[in-house]
Amino acid sequence: MRRATTTRLVELADELSARDRQISETVGRLKLLSGSQVERLYFAEGASPATRARLARRALARLAGLGVLGRLERRIGGVRAGAAGHVYYLAAAGQRMVAYWQGEGLRRTRSPYEPTVALVRHTLAVSECYVRCTEAARAGVATLVDFAAEPECWERYTGRDGARLTLKPDARVILGLDGSSDAGAEESHAWLEIDCATEGRRALARKAHAYHAAYRAGIDRDVIPLVVWVVSAARRRELVAEVCGELPAEAWKLFAVTTPERLIDLLTGSEPEAHP
């Protein structure tokens, strides 16, 4: 869609199905989603796997054709990944419609830019955590109370010297552990640090020290989230554990290390927390 009029944008925003709207809003919140992740989120029930994949492809092609979503040139997993490897972002028209749905009006937006390979990998890894939390909620393992990506998950606090500081996790997740999202229900709170093996020891140490400093300063929260490092390689797990282990012993309880496959088990208590 090029230079759509305000009237056409409003008409399109009102015409889209509830599922189209949910897909658009989720892509907007998470920044990037692969075709496979969209399929798992919104086409997981009912028909055969082949039919689910076909329905997801059609929905994404339609939204891309309308200018609501854009598709990156590069596919995750290469050509062999097929349509499931396409990566989608919220295009300019989609950004304006999401703002309209949220009561912010049809405000002007900046044209999206082509992100780096490293940024795509990292953003999709955050999205994967959201997909796994959603799948766990669908299976009745837990209730997904909240999931926020950057920058909504950032935490502002006052340092010990009075300076205003910002803690910048990659995501924040709250799971209800007794099947309820009511106030007072047992919950698991976590800040997620997604490790794609691109940062060295010093960068990891800076992050760990930032969380410890925020804890010592006393963040104004009823529940201090557990900092969960999500890693994909055994060596990285060892390195993160070593870095966190260099902090004072009081800080060790703040951190846990896991893999994407074991994230839900850790958050729900099915797997013991792997502290440094």
C-alpha atoms as a PDB file:
ATOM      1  CA  MET A   1       0.000   0.000   0.000  1.00  0.00           C
ATOM      2  CA  ARG A   2       1.529   3.303  -1.089  1.00  0.00           C
ATOM      3  CA  ARG A   3       0.443   6.674   0.271  1.00  0.00           C
ATOM      4  CA  ALA A   4      -2.889   5.362   1.510  1.00  0.00           C
ATOM      5  CA  THR A   5      -5.391   8.021   2.408  1.00  0.00           C
ATOM      6  CA  THR A   6      -6.641   8.371   5.946  1.00  0.00           C
ATOM      7  CA  THR A   7     -10.070   7.208   4.808  1.00  0.00           C
ATOM      8  CA  ARG A   8      -8.647   4.045   3.248  1.00  0.00           C
ATOM      9  CA  LEU A   9      -6.546   3.261   6.324  1.00  0.00           C
ATOM     10  CA  VAL A  10      -9.584   3.565   8.595  1.00  0.00           C
ATOM     11  CA  GLU A  11     -11.632   1.380   6.259  1.00  0.00           C
ATOM     12  CA  LEU A  12      -8.903  -1.255   6.156  1.00  0.00           C
ATOM     13  CA  ALA A  13      -8.387  -1.151   9.918  1.00  0.00           C
ATOM     14  CA  ASP A  14     -12.096  -1.811  10.404  1.00  0.00           C
ATOM     15  CA  GLU A  15     -12.246  -4.518   7.721  1.00  0.00           C
ATOM     16  CA  LEU A  16      -9.440  -6.749   8.972  1.00  0.00           C
ATOM     17  CA  SER A  17     -10.446  -9.882  10.842  1.00  0.00           C
ATOM     18  CA  ALA A  18      -9.796 -10.297  14.554  1.00  0.00           C
ATOM     19  CA  ARG A  19      -6.968 -12.724  13.781  1.00  0.00           C
ATOM     20  CA  ASP A  20      -5.401 -10.360  11.245  1.00  0.00           C
ATOM     21  CA  ARG A  21      -5.500  -7.645  13.866  1.00  0.00           C
ATOM     22  CA  GLN A  22      -3.938  -9.903  16.506  1.00  0.00           C
ATOM     23  CA  ILE A  23      -1.135 -10.890  14.123  1.00  0.00           C
ATOM     24  CA  SER A  24      -0.460  -7.256  13.269  1.00  0.00           C
ATOM     25  CA  GLU A  25      -0.420  -6.126  16.900  1.00  0.00           C
ATOM     26  CA  THR A  26       1.861  -8.982  17.953  1.00  0.00           C
ATOM     27  CA  VAL A  27       4.337  -8.292  15.149  1.00  0.00           C
ATOM     28  CA  GLY A  28       4.271  -4.644  16.206  1.00  0.00           C
ATOM     29  CA  ARG A  29       5.012  -5.475  19.857  1.00  0.00           C
ATOM     30  CA  LEU A  30       7.772  -7.978  19.144  1.00  0.00           C
ATOM     31  CA  LYS A  31       9.243  -6.144  16.113  1.00  0.00           C
ATOM     32  CA  LEU A  32       9.889  -9.341  14.105  1.00  0.00           C
ATOM     33  CA  LEU A  33       8.161 -12.715  13.731  1.00  0.00           C
ATOM     34  CA  SER A  34       8.960 -15.572  11.382  1.00  0.00           C
ATOM     35  CA  GLY A  35       6.266 -17.277   9.332  1.00  0.00           C
ATOM     36  CA  SER A  36       6.722 -20.387  11.461  1.00  0.00           C
ATOM     37  CA  GLN A  37       6.218 -18.416  14.680  1.00  0.00           C
ATOM     38  CA  VAL A  38       3.039 -16.789  13.340  1.00  0.00           C
ATOM     39  CA  GLU A  39       1.729 -20.227  12.416  1.00  0.00           C
ATOM     40  CA  ARG A  40       2.411 -21.580  15.919  1.00  0.00           C
ATOM     41  CA  LEU A  41       0.741 -18.575  17.537  1.00  0.00           C
ATOM     42  CA  TYR A  42      -2.396 -18.211  15.433  1.00  0.00           C
ATOM     43  CA  PHE A  43      -2.900 -21.367  13.364  1.00  0.00           C
ATOM     44  CA  ALA A  44      -2.064 -24.095  15.881  1.00  0.00           C
ATOM     45  CA  GLU A  45      -5.474 -25.673  16.317  1.00  0.00           C
ATOM     46  CA  GLY A  46      -7.772 -27.731  14.162  1.00  0.00           C
ATOM     47  CA  ALA A  47      -6.670 -28.806  10.714  1.00  0.00           C
ATOM     48  CA  SER A  48      -3.666 -30.854   9.617  1.00  0.00           C
ATOM     49  CA  PRO A  49      -0.144 -29.399   9.735  1.00  0.00           C
ATOM     50  CA  ALA A  50      -0.182 -28.848   5.971  1.00  0.00           C
ATOM     51  CA  THR A  51      -3.495 -26.991   6.164  1.00  0.00           C
ATOM     52  CA  ARG A  52      -2.317 -24.864   9.094  1.00  0.00           C
ATOM     53  CA  ALA A  53       0.814 -23.907   7.185  1.00  0.00           C
ATOM     54  CA  ARG A  54      -1.218 -23.022   4.106  1.00  0.00           C
ATOM     55  CA  LEU A  55      -3.655 -20.868   6.093  1.00  0.00           C
ATOM     56  CA  ALA A  56      -0.773 -19.038   7.748  1.00  0.00           C
ATOM     57  CA  ARG A  57       0.898 -18.407   4.379  1.00  0.00           C
ATOM     58  CA  ARG A  58      -2.321 -17.013   2.931  1.00  0.00           C
ATOM     59  CA  ALA A  59      -2.926 -14.714   5.904  1.00  0.00           C
ATOM     60  CA  LEU A  60       0.613 -13.374   5.840  1.00  0.00           C
ATOM     61  CA  ALA A  61       0.583 -12.907   2.069  1.00  0.00           C
ATOM     62  CA  ARG A  62      -2.692 -11.001   2.342  1.00  0.00           C
ATOM     63  CA  LEU A  63      -1.396  -8.705   5.100  1.00  0.00           C
ATOM     64  CA  ALA A  64       1.825  -8.121   3.166  1.00  0.00           C
ATOM     65  CA  GLY A  65      -0.159  -7.382   0.000  1.00  0.00           C
ATOM     66  CA  LEU A  66      -2.235  -4.816   1.859  1.00  0.00           C
ATOM     67  CA  GLY A  67       0.896  -3.110   3.147  1.00  0.00           C
ATOM     68  CA  VAL A  68       0.127  -3.974   6.766  1.00  0.00           C
ATOM     69  CA  LEU A  69       3.179  -6.228   7.105  1.00  0.00           C
ATOM     70  CA  GLY A  70       6.526  -6.105   5.370  1.00  0.00           C
ATOM     71  CA  ARG A  71       8.838  -9.033   4.708  1.00  0.00           C
ATOM     72  CA  LEU A  72      12.614  -8.999   5.041  1.00  0.00           C
ATOM     73  CA  GLU A  73      14.645  -9.982   2.016  1.00  0.00           C
ATOM     74  CA  ARG A  74      16.639 -12.580   3.939  1.00  0.00           C
ATOM     75  CA  ARG A  75      14.975 -15.787   5.136  1.00  0.00           C
ATOM     76  CA  ILE A  76      15.869 -17.565   8.367  1.00  0.00           C
ATOM     77  CA  GLY A  77      17.243 -20.984   7.481  1.00  0.00           C
ATOM     78  CA  GLY A  78      17.841 -20.076   3.840  1.00  0.00           C
ATOM     79  CA  VAL A  79      15.804 -21.133   0.820  1.00  0.00           C
ATOM     80  CA  ARG A  80      15.171 -24.594   2.247  1.00  0.00           C
ATOM     81  CA  ALA A  81      13.140 -23.049   5.063  1.00  0.00           C
ATOM     82  CA  GLY A  82      10.456 -22.063   2.569  1.00  0.00           C
ATOM     83  CA  ALA A  83       7.700 -19.636   3.509  1.00  0.00           C
ATOM     84  CA  ALA A  84       8.044 -20.556   7.203  1.00  0.00           C
ATOM     85  CA  GLY A  85      11.483 -18.909   7.150  1.00  0.00           C
ATOM     86  CA  HIS A  86      10.232 -15.522   5.970  1.00  0.00           C
ATOM     87  CA  VAL A  87      10.551 -12.782   8.586  1.00  0.00           C
ATOM     88  CA  TYR A  88       7.814 -10.178   8.958  1.00  0.00           C
ATOM     89  CA  TYR A  89       7.732  -6.686  10.428  1.00  0.00           C
ATOM     90  CA  LEU A  90       5.010  -4.077  10.820  1.00  0.00           C
ATOM     91  CA  ALA A  91       5.019  -1.872   7.722  1.00  0.00           C
ATOM     92  CA  ALA A  92       4.208   1.837   7.777  1.00  0.00           C
ATOM     93  CA  ALA A  93       0.486   1.337   7.094  1.00  0.00           C
ATOM     94  CA  GLY A  94       0.368  -1.368   9.751  1.00  0.00           C
ATOM     95  CA  GLN A  95       2.043   0.910  12.291  1.00  0.00           C
ATOM     96  CA  ARG A  96      -0.567   3.582  11.672  1.00  0.00           C
ATOM     97  CA  MET A  97      -3.431   1.106  11.978  1.00  0.00           C
ATOM     98  CA  VAL A  98      -2.119  -0.344  15.232  1.00  0.00           C
ATOM     99  CA  ALA A  99      -1.866   3.187  16.611  1.00  0.00           C
ATOM    100  CA  TYR A 100      -5.468   3.758  15.465  1.00  0.00           C
ATOM    101  CA  TRP A 101      -6.652   0.587  17.208  1.00  0.00           C
ATOM    102  CA  GLN A 102      -4.909   1.694  20.398  1.00  0.00           C
ATOM    103  CA  GLY A 103      -6.646   5.066  20.346  1.00  0.00           C
ATOM    104  CA  GLU A 104      -3.558   7.068  19.361  1.00  0.00           C
ATOM    105  CA  GLY A 105      -4.904   8.230  16.015  1.00  0.00           C
ATOM    106  CA  LEU A 106      -3.421   7.669  12.572  1.00  0.00           C
ATOM    107  CA  ARG A 107      -0.096   9.224  13.509  1.00  0.00           C
ATOM    108  CA  ARG A 108       2.751   9.432  11.052  1.00  0.00           C
ATOM    109  CA  THR A 109       5.432   6.775  11.351  1.00  0.00           C
ATOM    110  CA  ARG A 110       8.971   6.247  10.174  1.00  0.00           C
ATOM    111  CA  SER A 111       9.636   3.798   7.386  1.00  0.00           C
ATOM    112  CA  PRO A 112      11.128   0.550   8.755  1.00  0.00           C
ATOM    113  CA  TYR A 113      14.759  -0.192   7.929  1.00  0.00           C
ATOM    114  CA  GLU A 114      16.500  -3.457   7.082  1.00  0.00           C
ATOM    115  CA  PRO A 115      18.042  -4.728  10.351  1.00  0.00           C
ATOM    116  CA  THR A 116      21.386  -6.485  10.620  1.00  0.00           C
ATOM    117  CA  VAL A 117      21.633 -10.266  10.667  1.00  0.00           C
ATOM    118  CA  ALA A 118      22.631 -10.198  14.341  1.00  0.00           C
ATOM    119  CA  LEU A 119      19.638  -8.017  15.263  1.00  0.00           C
ATOM    120  CA  VAL A 120      17.244 -10.287  13.353  1.00  0.00           C
ATOM    121  CA  ARG A 121      18.568 -13.362  15.165  1.00  0.00           C
ATOM    122  CA  HIS A 122      18.290 -11.701  18.545  1.00  0.00           C
ATOM    123  CA  THR A 123      14.813 -10.265  17.967  1.00  0.00           C
ATOM    124  CA  LEU A 124      13.488 -13.601  16.710  1.00  0.00           C
ATOM    125  CA  ALA A 125      14.992 -15.299  19.775  1.00  0.00           C
ATOM    126  CA  VAL A 126      12.983 -12.936  21.989  1.00  0.00           C
ATOM    127  CA  SER A 127       9.893 -13.678  19.896  1.00  0.00           C
ATOM    128  CA  GLU A 128      10.545 -17.396  20.338  1.00  0.00           C
ATOM    129  CA  CYS A 129      10.353 -16.982  24.111  1.00  0.00           C
ATOM    130  CA  TYR A 130       6.959 -15.314  23.692  1.00  0.00           C
ATOM    131  CA  VAL A 131       5.765 -18.129  21.430  1.00  0.00           C
ATOM    132  CA  ARG A 132       6.850 -20.745  23.973  1.00  0.00           C
ATOM    133  CA  CYS A 133       5.084 -18.893  26.790  1.00  0.00           C
ATOM    134  CA  THR A 134       1.927 -18.706  24.678  1.00  0.00           C
ATOM    135  CA  GLU A 135       2.111 -22.406  23.851  1.00  0.00           C
ATOM    136  CA  ALA A 136       2.544 -23.217  27.545  1.00  0.00           C
ATOM    137  CA  ALA A 137      -0.536 -21.137  28.373  1.00  0.00           C
ATOM    138  CA  ARG A 138      -2.508 -22.875  25.623  1.00  0.00           C
ATOM    139  CA  ALA A 139      -1.514 -26.249  27.043  1.00  0.00           C
ATOM    140  CA  GLY A 140      -2.668 -25.226  30.521  1.00  0.00           C
ATOM    141  CA  VAL A 141       0.827 -25.306  32.003  1.00  0.00           C
ATOM    142  CA  ALA A 142       0.614 -21.686  33.164  1.00  0.00           C
ATOM    143  CA  THR A 143      -1.256 -18.447  32.546  1.00  0.00           C
ATOM    144  CA  LEU A 144       0.541 -15.831  30.493  1.00  0.00           C
ATOM    145  CA  VAL A 145      -0.084 -12.723  32.583  1.00  0.00           C
ATOM    146  CA  ASP A 146       2.363 -10.434  30.803  1.00  0.00           C
ATOM    147  CA  PHE A 147       5.094 -10.473  28.193  1.00  0.00           C
ATOM    148  CA  ALA A 148       6.833  -7.255  27.189  1.00  0.00           C
ATOM    149  CA  ALA A 149       9.737  -6.792  24.803  1.00  0.00           C
ATOM    150  CA  GLU A 150      12.025  -3.781  24.494  1.00  0.00           C
ATOM    151  CA  PRO A 151      11.587  -0.948  25.278  1.00  0.00           C
ATOM    152  CA  GLU A 152       8.357  -1.619  27.207  1.00  0.00           C
ATOM    153  CA  CYS A 153      10.175  -4.016  29.531  1.00  0.00           C
ATOM    154  CA  TRP A 154      12.841  -1.514  30.565  1.00  0.00           C
ATOM    155  CA  GLU A 155      12.885  -0.595  34.236  1.00  0.00           C
ATOM    156  CA  ARG A 156      13.700   2.913  35.449  1.00  0.00           C
ATOM    157  CA  TYR A 157      14.982   3.318  38.981  1.00  0.00           C
ATOM    158  CA  THR A 158      16.982   5.616  41.234  1.00  0.00           C
ATOM    159  CA  GLY A 159      20.582   4.637  41.884  1.00  0.00           C
ATOM    160  CA  ARG A 160      22.228   4.767  45.279  1.00  0.00           C
ATOM    161  CA  ASP A 161      23.712   8.171  44.403  1.00  0.00           C
ATOM    162  CA  GLY A 162      20.325   9.545  43.390  1.00  0.00           C
ATOM    163  CA  ALA A 163      20.915   9.273  39.640  1.00  0.00           C
ATOM    164  CA  ARG A 164      18.030   8.139  37.432  1.00  0.00           C
ATOM    165  CA  LEU A 165      19.046   4.894  35.731  1.00  0.00           C
ATOM    166  CA  THR A 166      17.465   2.418  33.328  1.00  0.00           C
ATOM    167  CA  LEU A 167      17.765  -1.344  33.441  1.00  0.00           C
ATOM    168  CA  LYS A 168      17.400  -2.826  29.954  1.00  0.00           C
ATOM    169  CA  PRO A 169      16.436  -6.508  29.867  1.00  0.00           C
ATOM    170  CA  ASP A 170      15.482  -8.048  26.517  1.00  0.00           C
ATOM    171  CA  ALA A 171      12.024  -9.004  27.773  1.00  0.00           C
ATOM    172  CA  ARG A 172       9.859  -9.295  30.882  1.00  0.00           C
ATOM    173  CA  VAL A 173       7.543 -12.222  31.506  1.00  0.00           C
ATOM    174  CA  ILE A 174       5.010 -12.972  34.238  1.00  0.00           C
ATOM    175  CA  LEU A 175       3.400 -16.401  34.378  1.00  0.00           C
ATOM    176  CA  GLY A 176       0.514 -17.379  36.632  1.00  0.00           C
ATOM    177  CA  LEU A 177       1.325 -20.744  38.176  1.00  0.00           C
ATOM    178  CA  ASP A 178      -2.084 -21.780  39.507  1.00  0.00           C
ATOM    179  CA  GLY A 179      -4.051 -21.305  36.305  1.00  0.00           C
ATOM    180  CA  SER A 180      -5.275 -17.883  37.342  1.00  0.00           C
ATOM    181  CA  SER A 181      -4.314 -14.311  36.513  1.00  0.00           C
ATOM    182  CA  ASP A 182      -6.227 -12.896  39.497  1.00  0.00           C
ATOM    183  CA  ALA A 183      -4.510 -10.602  41.978  1.00  0.00           C
ATOM    184  CA  GLY A 184      -2.793 -12.618  44.672  1.00  0.00           C
ATOM    185  CA  ALA A 185      -2.316 -15.678  42.522  1.00  0.00           C
ATOM    186  CA  GLU A 186       1.086 -17.346  42.593  1.00  0.00           C
ATOM    187  CA  GLU A 187       3.243 -15.930  39.831  1.00  0.00           C
ATOM    188  CA  SER A 188       6.669 -16.324  38.297  1.00  0.00           C
ATOM    189  CA  HIS A 189       8.376 -13.038  37.384  1.00  0.00           C
ATOM    190  CA  ALA A 190      11.455 -12.935  35.158  1.00  0.00           C
ATOM    191  CA  TRP A 191      13.611 -10.591  33.156  1.00  0.00           C
ATOM    192  CA  LEU A 192      15.020 -12.381  30.136  1.00  0.00           C
ATOM    193  CA  GLU A 193      18.519 -11.891  28.782  1.00  0.00           C
ATOM    194  CA  ILE A 194      18.690 -13.567  25.386  1.00  0.00           C
ATOM    195  CA  ASP A 195      22.231 -14.670  24.583  1.00  0.00           C
ATOM    196  CA  CYS A 196      23.041 -15.346  20.915  1.00  0.00           C
ATOM    197  CA  ALA A 197      26.749 -15.951  21.589  1.00  0.00           C
ATOM    198  CA  THR A 198      27.754 -12.617  20.025  1.00  0.00           C
ATOM    199  CA  GLU A 199      28.923 -10.784  23.163  1.00  0.00           C
ATOM    200  CA  GLY A 200      32.178 -11.281  25.013  1.00  0.00           C
ATOM    201  CA  ARG A 201      32.844 -11.727  28.709  1.00  0.00           C
ATOM    202  CA  ARG A 202      33.115  -7.987  29.387  1.00  0.00           C
ATOM    203  CA  ALA A 203      29.698  -7.247  27.886  1.00  0.00           C
ATOM    204  CA  LEU A 204      28.137 -10.069  29.893  1.00  0.00           C
ATOM    205  CA  ALA A 205      29.836  -8.800  33.050  1.00  0.00           C
ATOM    206  CA  ARG A 206      28.484  -5.278  32.487  1.00  0.00           C
ATOM    207  CA  LYS A 207      24.962  -6.644  32.249  1.00  0.00           C
ATOM    208  CA  ALA A 208      25.334  -8.780  35.352  1.00  0.00           C
ATOM    209  CA  HIS A 209      26.765  -5.850  37.332  1.00  0.00           C
ATOM    210  CA  ALA A 210      23.889  -3.621  36.155  1.00  0.00           C
ATOM    211  CA  TYR A 211      21.314  -6.028  37.584  1.00  0.00           C
ATOM    212  CA  HIS A 212      23.225  -6.365  40.831  1.00  0.00           C
ATOM    213  CA  ALA A 213      23.515  -2.571  41.136  1.00  0.00           C
ATOM    214  CA  ALA A 214      19.775  -2.184  40.572  1.00  0.00           C
ATOM    215  CA  TYR A 215      19.084  -4.823  43.225  1.00  0.00           C
ATOM    216  CA  ARG A 216      21.356  -3.063  45.742  1.00  0.00           C
ATOM    217  CA  ALA A 217      19.760   0.308  44.976  1.00  0.00           C
ATOM    218  CA  GLY A 218      16.361  -1.142  45.780  1.00  0.00           C
ATOM    219  CA  ILE A 219      14.075  -1.162  42.755  1.00  0.00           C
ATOM    220  CA  ASP A 220      10.588  -0.069  43.744  1.00  0.00           C
ATOM    221  CA  ARG A 221       8.835  -3.357  42.973  1.00  0.00           C
ATOM    222  CA  ASP A 222       6.749  -5.734  45.029  1.00  0.00           C
ATOM    223  CA  VAL A 223       8.483  -8.653  43.313  1.00  0.00           C
ATOM    224  CA  ILE A 224      12.050  -8.515  42.009  1.00  0.00           C
ATOM    225  CA  PRO A 225      12.104 -10.629  38.817  1.00  0.00           C
ATOM    226  CA  LEU A 226      14.595 -13.440  38.431  1.00  0.00           C
ATOM    227  CA  VAL A 227      17.152 -12.641  35.725  1.00  0.00           C
ATOM    228  CA  VAL A 228      17.057 -15.595  33.347  1.00  0.00           C
ATOM    229  CA  TRP A 229      19.840 -15.914  30.795  1.00  0.00           C
ATOM    230  CA  VAL A 230      18.571 -17.907  27.825  1.00  0.00           C
ATOM    231  CA  VAL A 231      21.492 -19.507  26.002  1.00  0.00           C
ATOM    232  CA  SER A 232      21.690 -21.982  23.143  1.00  0.00           C
ATOM    233  CA  ALA A 233      25.119 -23.546  23.684  1.00  0.00           C
ATOM    234  CA  ALA A 234      26.655 -25.408  26.616  1.00  0.00           C
ATOM    235  CA  ARG A 235      29.836 -23.315  26.508  1.00  0.00           C
ATOM    236  CA  ARG A 236      27.834 -20.102  26.726  1.00  0.00           C
ATOM    237  CA  ARG A 237      25.965 -21.492  29.702  1.00  0.00           C
ATOM    238  CA  GLU A 238      29.279 -22.102  31.420  1.00  0.00           C
ATOM    239  CA  LEU A 239      30.544 -18.625  30.535  1.00  0.00           C
ATOM    240  CA  VAL A 240      27.424 -16.861  31.841  1.00  0.00           C
ATOM    241  CA  ALA A 241      27.628 -18.911  35.044  1.00  0.00           C
ATOM    242  CA  GLU A 242      31.298 -17.956  35.450  1.00  0.00           C
ATOM    243  CA  VAL A 243      30.563 -14.259  34.932  1.00  0.00           C
ATOM    244  CA  CYS A 244      27.672 -14.219  37.402  1.00  0.00           C
ATOM    245  CA  GLY A 245      29.712 -16.288  39.825  1.00  0.00           C
ATOM    246  CA  GLU A 246      32.290 -13.492  40.022  1.00  0.00           C
ATOM    247  CA  LEU A 247      29.720 -11.234  41.692  1.00  0.00           C
ATOM    248  CA  PRO A 248      29.258 -11.232  45.484  1.00  0.00           C
ATOM    249  CA  ALA A 249      27.454 -14.320  46.766  1.00  0.00           C
ATOM    250  CA  GLU A 250      24.352 -12.255  47.579  1.00  0.00           C
ATOM    251  CA  ALA A 251      23.902 -11.665  43.829  1.00  0.00           C
ATOM    252  CA  TRP A 252      23.866 -15.286  42.772  1.00  0.00           C
ATOM    253  CA  LYS A 253      20.219 -15.746  43.730  1.00  0.00           C
ATOM    254  CA  LEU A 254      19.274 -13.053  41.208  1.00  0.00           C
ATOM    255  CA  PHE A 255      20.342 -15.130  38.200  1.00  0.00           C
ATOM    256  CA  ALA A 256      19.465 -18.386  36.496  1.00  0.00           C
ATOM    257  CA  VAL A 257      20.678 -19.882  33.223  1.00  0.00           C
ATOM    258  CA  THR A 258      18.656 -22.070  30.885  1.00  0.00           C
ATOM    259  CA  THR A 259      18.019 -22.943  27.237  1.00  0.00           C
ATOM    260  CA  PRO A 260      15.000 -21.998  25.099  1.00  0.00           C
ATOM    261  CA  GLU A 261      13.749 -25.583  25.341  1.00  0.00           C
ATOM    262  CA  ARG A 262      13.871 -25.543  29.170  1.00  0.00           C
ATOM    263  CA  LEU A 263      12.667 -21.969  29.718  1.00  0.00           C
ATOM    264  CA  ILE A 264       9.075 -22.853  30.626  1.00  0.00           C
ATOM    265  CA  ASP A 265      10.218 -25.648  32.953  1.00  0.00           C
ATOM    266  CA  LEU A 266      12.423 -23.182  34.814  1.00  0.00           C
ATOM    267  CA  LEU A 267       9.770 -20.455  35.009  1.00  0.00           C
ATOM    268  CA  THR A 268       7.114 -22.866  36.279  1.00  0.00           C
ATOM    269  CA  GLY A 269       9.410 -24.634  38.743  1.00  0.00           C
ATOM    270  CA  SER A 270       9.452 -27.949  36.895  1.00  0.00           C
ATOM    271  CA  GLU A 271      13.209 -27.570  36.578  1.00  0.00           C
ATOM    272  CA  PRO A 272      15.361 -26.375  39.499  1.00  0.00           C
ATOM    273  CA  GLU A 273      16.857 -22.951  38.974  1.00  0.00           C
ATOM    274  CA  ALA A 274      20.407 -23.261  37.652  1.00  0.00           C
ATOM    275  CA  HIS A 275      22.090 -20.517  39.637  1.00  0.00           C
ATOM    276  CA  PRO A 276      25.789 -19.692  39.113  1.00  0.00           C
END
